[in-house]
Amino acid sequence: MIVASAIKHKGIVFTGFRHPDIIQYLIKLGYEKPIPNHEQGFIDEDGWFMDRETALVRAKICDQVSEDFTRVLTSEDLW
């Protein structure tokens, strides 16, 4: 099950409720905007980072989105 939005940057995974919230947090930490070379995804209940495509498959398996869902997965689709 997907439990949080996440951004991976330079091997470090940052989590939050929504991706824009994480980006704002990174900017407050001093990262330049836009955040270069980052990957947006999600975290599952075991703490594993998944890219958006993998997370979509997982969200379908866990009934967090319908089987016929075809858009890019966003946090707004989950909660």
Protein backbone atom coordinates (compact mmCIF):
# COMPACT_ATOMS: atom_id res chain seq x y z
CA MET A 1 0.00 0.00 0.00
CA ILE A 2 1.23 3.49 -0.79
CA VAL A 3 1.54 5.59 2.35
CA ALA A 4 3.35 8.80 1.31
CA SER A 5 4.52 10.93 -1.56
CA ALA A 6 8.28 10.96 -2.03
CA ILE A 7 11.09 12.66 -3.90
CA LYS A 8 14.47 11.03 -4.40
CA HIS A 9 17.35 13.47 -4.83
CA LYS A 10 21.03 12.47 -4.83
CA GLY A 11 20.13 9.12 -3.29
CA ILE A 12 18.17 10.65 -0.40
CA VAL A 13 14.42 10.05 -0.19
CA PHE A 14 12.28 12.86 1.22
CA THR A 15 8.65 12.14 2.07
CA GLY A 16 5.52 14.18 2.63
CA PHE A 17 1.82 14.46 2.01
CA ARG A 18 2.08 15.91 -1.49
CA HIS A 19 5.01 16.38 -3.91
CA PRO A 20 4.76 20.21 -3.91
CA ASP A 21 5.02 20.14 -0.09
CA ILE A 22 8.26 18.17 -0.34
CA ILE A 23 9.65 20.56 -2.96
CA GLN A 24 8.90 23.54 -0.70
CA TYR A 25 10.66 21.75 2.17
CA LEU A 26 13.73 21.13 0.00
CA ILE A 27 13.83 24.80 -1.01
CA LYS A 28 13.69 25.78 2.68
CA LEU A 29 16.66 23.47 3.23
CA GLY A 30 18.57 25.46 0.63
CA TYR A 31 18.14 23.37 -2.50
CA GLU A 32 17.86 25.42 -5.68
CA LYS A 33 14.54 25.74 -7.47
CA PRO A 34 13.67 23.85 -9.59
CA ILE A 35 15.20 20.87 -7.81
CA PRO A 36 17.65 19.41 -10.37
CA ASN A 37 17.86 15.69 -11.12
CA HIS A 38 15.13 14.54 -8.77
CA GLU A 39 12.66 11.68 -9.15
CA GLN A 40 9.10 11.92 -7.89
CA GLY A 41 7.43 8.79 -6.60
CA PHE A 42 5.88 7.21 -3.54
CA ILE A 43 6.75 5.18 -0.44
CA ASP A 44 5.02 1.94 0.49
CA GLU A 45 4.25 0.62 3.96
CA ASP A 46 7.70 -1.01 4.13
CA GLY A 47 9.49 2.25 3.33
CA TRP A 48 10.43 1.31 -0.25
CA PHE A 49 10.64 4.08 -2.84
CA MET A 50 8.67 3.47 -6.04
CA ASP A 51 8.66 5.60 -9.19
CA ARG A 52 5.25 6.77 -10.40
CA GLU A 53 4.83 3.87 -12.84
CA THR A 54 5.62 1.18 -10.27
CA ALA A 55 3.47 2.96 -7.69
CA LEU A 56 0.53 2.92 -10.08
CA VAL A 57 0.76 -0.86 -10.39
CA ARG A 58 0.96 -1.15 -6.60
CA ALA A 59 -1.97 1.24 -6.09
CA LYS A 60 -4.12 -0.91 -8.40
CA ILE A 61 -3.15 -4.11 -6.57
CA CYS A 62 -4.00 -2.50 -3.22
CA ASP A 63 -7.29 -1.04 -4.55
CA GLN A 64 -6.13 2.52 -3.96
CA VAL A 65 -7.13 3.35 -7.53
CA SER A 66 -9.36 1.48 -9.98
CA GLU A 67 -7.98 -1.09 -12.41
CA ASP A 68 -8.94 1.14 -15.34
CA PHE A 69 -6.96 4.13 -14.03
CA THR A 70 -4.56 5.23 -16.80
CA ARG A 71 -3.24 8.69 -15.89
CA VAL A 72 0.09 9.48 -14.23
CA LEU A 73 -0.38 8.72 -10.54
CA THR A 74 -0.42 11.74 -8.22
CA SER A 75 -0.98 12.05 -4.49
CA GLU A 76 -4.34 13.68 -5.20
CA ASP A 77 -5.43 10.38 -6.73
CA LEU A 78 -4.72 8.55 -3.48
CA TRP A 79 -5.85 10.89 -0.69
